Amino acid sequence: MEDFICSENNRSISCNFPSTLANVDRAVDTIKDFLLSRHVSFSPFELVFVLREALNNAVIHGNEKNSSLKVACSLHLEHDSLTIIVTDQGKGFDWQRQLLKTPVSSSTTSGRGLNSMEPYGFTLRFNAAGNTLYLTKKIR
């Protein structure tokens, strides 16, 4: 039995789920609905794109599509910003080196995710291990 769990309060939502792409879809929809229900000013396309990239990276690269491993995702609303935190149970990666790489061509099926987040106004930070991503964006 699958353990897709989300909890929320007025200013935040947290989801924890097994590493599957179906659960990525479910988490993205749940978080988007959370923001819509609070009338937060945001671009649904931008949020869905960036959140899906972050969660897909956690499932595919971080947890190597191992559904026995979990992904944790939370979104926190502040006065003028939102913060998304995505953590996988993988070993992490050398994020400093990855961010320095030249973006790959648009015809490539992998390797564009991190470089595509900043143009949508998100700032990126990682924990030292590289298995937690912090995304922050100004809103309003």
C-alpha atoms as a PDB file:
ATOM      1  CA  MET A   1       0.000   0.000   0.000  1.00  0.00           C
ATOM      2  CA  GLU A   2       1.250   3.414  -0.959  1.00  0.00           C
ATOM      3  CA  ASP A   3       1.908   6.090   1.669  1.00  0.00           C
ATOM      4  CA  PHE A   4       1.199   9.436  -0.012  1.00  0.00           C
ATOM      5  CA  ILE A   5       0.756  11.844   2.893  1.00  0.00           C
ATOM      6  CA  CYS A   6       0.151  15.590   2.793  1.00  0.00           C
ATOM      7  CA  SER A   7      -0.576  17.934   5.661  1.00  0.00           C
ATOM      8  CA  GLU A   8      -1.245  21.647   5.575  1.00  0.00           C
ATOM      9  CA  ASN A   9      -1.972  24.706   7.614  1.00  0.00           C
ATOM     10  CA  ASN A  10      -2.788  28.229   6.505  1.00  0.00           C
ATOM     11  CA  ARG A  11       0.772  29.091   5.383  1.00  0.00           C
ATOM     12  CA  SER A  12       2.386  25.779   4.418  1.00  0.00           C
ATOM     13  CA  ILE A  13       1.886  22.336   2.951  1.00  0.00           C
ATOM     14  CA  SER A  14       4.107  19.270   3.273  1.00  0.00           C
ATOM     15  CA  CYS A  15       3.941  16.054   1.253  1.00  0.00           C
ATOM     16  CA  ASN A  16       5.854  12.828   1.744  1.00  0.00           C
ATOM     17  CA  PHE A  17       5.584  10.011  -0.772  1.00  0.00           C
ATOM     18  CA  PRO A  18       7.264   6.989  -2.373  1.00  0.00           C
ATOM     19  CA  SER A  19       9.475   7.800  -5.374  1.00  0.00           C
ATOM     20  CA  THR A  20       7.192   7.344  -8.370  1.00  0.00           C
ATOM     21  CA  LEU A  21       6.380   9.699 -11.220  1.00  0.00           C
ATOM     22  CA  ALA A  22       2.659   9.189 -10.545  1.00  0.00           C
ATOM     23  CA  ASN A  23       3.244  10.587  -7.062  1.00  0.00           C
ATOM     24  CA  VAL A  24       5.075  13.577  -8.569  1.00  0.00           C
ATOM     25  CA  ASP A  25       1.891  14.365 -10.531  1.00  0.00           C
ATOM     26  CA  ARG A  26      -0.182  13.983  -7.385  1.00  0.00           C
ATOM     27  CA  ALA A  27       2.099  16.233  -5.313  1.00  0.00           C
ATOM     28  CA  VAL A  28       2.214  18.945  -7.986  1.00  0.00           C
ATOM     29  CA  ASP A  29      -1.597  18.985  -8.244  1.00  0.00           C
ATOM     30  CA  THR A  30      -2.021  19.036  -4.454  1.00  0.00           C
ATOM     31  CA  ILE A  31       0.421  21.926  -3.981  1.00  0.00           C
ATOM     32  CA  LYS A  32      -1.040  23.919  -6.875  1.00  0.00           C
ATOM     33  CA  ASP A  33      -4.553  23.490  -5.401  1.00  0.00           C
ATOM     34  CA  PHE A  34      -3.230  24.610  -2.007  1.00  0.00           C
ATOM     35  CA  LEU A  35      -1.954  27.879  -3.511  1.00  0.00           C
ATOM     36  CA  LEU A  36      -5.099  28.461  -5.565  1.00  0.00           C
ATOM     37  CA  SER A  37      -7.292  27.985  -2.489  1.00  0.00           C
ATOM     38  CA  ARG A  38      -5.323  30.711  -0.710  1.00  0.00           C
ATOM     39  CA  HIS A  39      -5.550  33.128  -3.647  1.00  0.00           C
ATOM     40  CA  VAL A  40      -1.765  33.452  -3.829  1.00  0.00           C
ATOM     41  CA  SER A  41      -0.580  35.513  -6.779  1.00  0.00           C
ATOM     42  CA  PHE A  42       1.586  33.175  -8.859  1.00  0.00           C
ATOM     43  CA  SER A  43       1.936  31.796 -12.362  1.00  0.00           C
ATOM     44  CA  PRO A  44       0.539  28.247 -12.297  1.00  0.00           C
ATOM     45  CA  PHE A  45       2.660  27.325 -15.327  1.00  0.00           C
ATOM     46  CA  GLU A  46       5.897  28.501 -13.697  1.00  0.00           C
ATOM     47  CA  LEU A  47       5.169  26.816 -10.394  1.00  0.00           C
ATOM     48  CA  VAL A  48       4.105  23.529 -11.988  1.00  0.00           C
ATOM     49  CA  PHE A  49       7.134  23.525 -14.299  1.00  0.00           C
ATOM     50  CA  VAL A  50       9.696  24.235 -11.571  1.00  0.00           C
ATOM     51  CA  LEU A  51       8.077  22.004  -8.946  1.00  0.00           C
ATOM     52  CA  ARG A  52       7.765  19.113 -11.407  1.00  0.00           C
ATOM     53  CA  GLU A  53      11.451  19.503 -12.406  1.00  0.00           C
ATOM     54  CA  ALA A  54      12.548  19.455  -8.756  1.00  0.00           C
ATOM     55  CA  LEU A  55      10.393  16.444  -7.865  1.00  0.00           C
ATOM     56  CA  ASN A  56      11.316  14.530 -11.019  1.00  0.00           C
ATOM     57  CA  ASN A  57      15.000  15.082 -10.195  1.00  0.00           C
ATOM     58  CA  ALA A  58      14.433  13.727  -6.685  1.00  0.00           C
ATOM     59  CA  VAL A  59      12.632  10.613  -7.968  1.00  0.00           C
ATOM     60  CA  ILE A  60      14.754   9.892 -11.055  1.00  0.00           C
ATOM     61  CA  HIS A  61      18.247  11.024 -10.062  1.00  0.00           C
ATOM     62  CA  GLY A  62      18.158  11.238  -6.267  1.00  0.00           C
ATOM     63  CA  ASN A  63      16.279   8.060  -5.407  1.00  0.00           C
ATOM     64  CA  GLU A  64      17.038   6.362  -8.735  1.00  0.00           C
ATOM     65  CA  LYS A  65      13.330   5.507  -9.218  1.00  0.00           C
ATOM     66  CA  ASN A  66      13.410   3.287  -6.126  1.00  0.00           C
ATOM     67  CA  SER A  67       9.821   3.392  -4.869  1.00  0.00           C
ATOM     68  CA  SER A  68      10.901   2.110  -1.449  1.00  0.00           C
ATOM     69  CA  LEU A  69      12.643   5.468  -0.956  1.00  0.00           C
ATOM     70  CA  LYS A  70      10.677   8.623  -0.129  1.00  0.00           C
ATOM     71  CA  VAL A  71      10.577  12.184  -1.363  1.00  0.00           C
ATOM     72  CA  ALA A  72       9.601  14.993   0.999  1.00  0.00           C
ATOM     73  CA  CYS A  73       8.342  18.277  -0.386  1.00  0.00           C
ATOM     74  CA  SER A  74       7.095  21.347   1.425  1.00  0.00           C
ATOM     75  CA  LEU A  75       5.965  24.816   0.417  1.00  0.00           C
ATOM     76  CA  HIS A  76       6.012  27.716   2.870  1.00  0.00           C
ATOM     77  CA  LEU A  77       4.377  31.087   2.305  1.00  0.00           C
ATOM     78  CA  GLU A  78       5.906  34.206   3.764  1.00  0.00           C
ATOM     79  CA  HIS A  79       4.679  37.779   3.405  1.00  0.00           C
ATOM     80  CA  ASP A  80       6.227  38.336  -0.026  1.00  0.00           C
ATOM     81  CA  SER A  81       7.821  35.006  -0.966  1.00  0.00           C
ATOM     82  CA  LEU A  82       7.299  31.294  -1.219  1.00  0.00           C
ATOM     83  CA  THR A  83       9.864  28.636  -0.449  1.00  0.00           C
ATOM     84  CA  ILE A  84       9.808  25.076  -1.749  1.00  0.00           C
ATOM     85  CA  ILE A  85      11.996  22.426  -0.123  1.00  0.00           C
ATOM     86  CA  VAL A  86      12.498  19.055  -1.833  1.00  0.00           C
ATOM     87  CA  THR A  87      14.460  16.259  -0.159  1.00  0.00           C
ATOM     88  CA  ASP A  88      15.192  12.772  -1.443  1.00  0.00           C
ATOM     89  CA  GLN A  89      16.819   9.823   0.322  1.00  0.00           C
ATOM     90  CA  GLY A  90      19.565   9.425  -2.259  1.00  0.00           C
ATOM     91  CA  LYS A  91      23.271   9.972  -1.713  1.00  0.00           C
ATOM     92  CA  GLY A  92      23.156  13.483  -3.184  1.00  0.00           C
ATOM     93  CA  PHE A  93      25.275  14.961  -5.960  1.00  0.00           C
ATOM     94  CA  ASP A  94      27.934  17.573  -6.655  1.00  0.00           C
ATOM     95  CA  TRP A  95      25.531  20.458  -7.166  1.00  0.00           C
ATOM     96  CA  GLN A  96      28.282  23.083  -7.383  1.00  0.00           C
ATOM     97  CA  ARG A  97      29.756  21.364 -10.444  1.00  0.00           C
ATOM     98  CA  GLN A  98      26.326  20.812 -11.981  1.00  0.00           C
ATOM     99  CA  LEU A  99      25.356  24.483 -11.685  1.00  0.00           C
ATOM    100  CA  LEU A 100      28.587  25.529 -13.417  1.00  0.00           C
ATOM    101  CA  LYS A 101      27.895  23.333 -16.447  1.00  0.00           C
ATOM    102  CA  THR A 102      26.736  24.929 -19.668  1.00  0.00           C
ATOM    103  CA  PRO A 103      23.066  24.112 -20.247  1.00  0.00           C
ATOM    104  CA  VAL A 104      22.542  21.257 -22.675  1.00  0.00           C
ATOM    105  CA  SER A 105      20.612  21.618 -25.907  1.00  0.00           C
ATOM    106  CA  SER A 106      16.827  21.645 -25.921  1.00  0.00           C
ATOM    107  CA  SER A 107      16.780  18.312 -27.773  1.00  0.00           C
ATOM    108  CA  THR A 108      18.433  16.499 -24.857  1.00  0.00           C
ATOM    109  CA  THR A 109      16.107  14.555 -22.573  1.00  0.00           C
ATOM    110  CA  SER A 110      18.003  15.284 -19.348  1.00  0.00           C
ATOM    111  CA  GLY A 111      20.213  17.943 -17.766  1.00  0.00           C
ATOM    112  CA  ARG A 112      18.182  21.124 -18.251  1.00  0.00           C
ATOM    113  CA  GLY A 113      16.144  21.196 -15.032  1.00  0.00           C
ATOM    114  CA  LEU A 114      18.328  23.171 -12.646  1.00  0.00           C
ATOM    115  CA  ASN A 115      19.312  25.771 -15.235  1.00  0.00           C
ATOM    116  CA  SER A 116      15.663  26.277 -16.191  1.00  0.00           C
ATOM    117  CA  MET A 117      14.506  27.266 -12.696  1.00  0.00           C
ATOM    118  CA  GLU A 118      16.277  30.607 -12.290  1.00  0.00           C
ATOM    119  CA  PRO A 119      14.733  32.252 -15.397  1.00  0.00           C
ATOM    120  CA  TYR A 120      11.351  31.832 -13.656  1.00  0.00           C
ATOM    121  CA  GLY A 121      12.568  33.896 -10.700  1.00  0.00           C
ATOM    122  CA  PHE A 122      13.516  31.070  -8.338  1.00  0.00           C
ATOM    123  CA  THR A 123      16.748  31.158  -6.368  1.00  0.00           C
ATOM    124  CA  LEU A 124      18.330  27.766  -5.718  1.00  0.00           C
ATOM    125  CA  ARG A 125      20.282  26.485  -2.738  1.00  0.00           C
ATOM    126  CA  PHE A 126      21.260  22.955  -1.731  1.00  0.00           C
ATOM    127  CA  ASN A 127      22.324  21.285   1.477  1.00  0.00           C
ATOM    128  CA  ALA A 128      25.947  20.137   1.585  1.00  0.00           C
ATOM    129  CA  ALA A 129      25.133  16.582   0.476  1.00  0.00           C
ATOM    130  CA  GLY A 130      23.065  17.739  -2.486  1.00  0.00           C
ATOM    131  CA  ASN A 131      19.916  15.811  -1.624  1.00  0.00           C
ATOM    132  CA  THR A 132      17.852  18.798  -0.441  1.00  0.00           C
ATOM    133  CA  LEU A 133      16.931  21.627  -2.781  1.00  0.00           C
ATOM    134  CA  TYR A 134      15.638  24.989  -1.504  1.00  0.00           C
ATOM    135  CA  LEU A 135      13.768  27.135  -4.028  1.00  0.00           C
ATOM    136  CA  THR A 136      12.646  30.655  -3.146  1.00  0.00           C
ATOM    137  CA  LYS A 137      10.615  33.086  -5.223  1.00  0.00           C
ATOM    138  CA  LYS A 138       9.273  36.572  -4.548  1.00  0.00           C
ATOM    139  CA  ILE A 139       5.518  36.840  -4.998  1.00  0.00           C
ATOM    140  CA  ARG A 140       3.101  39.787  -5.269  1.00  0.00           C
END
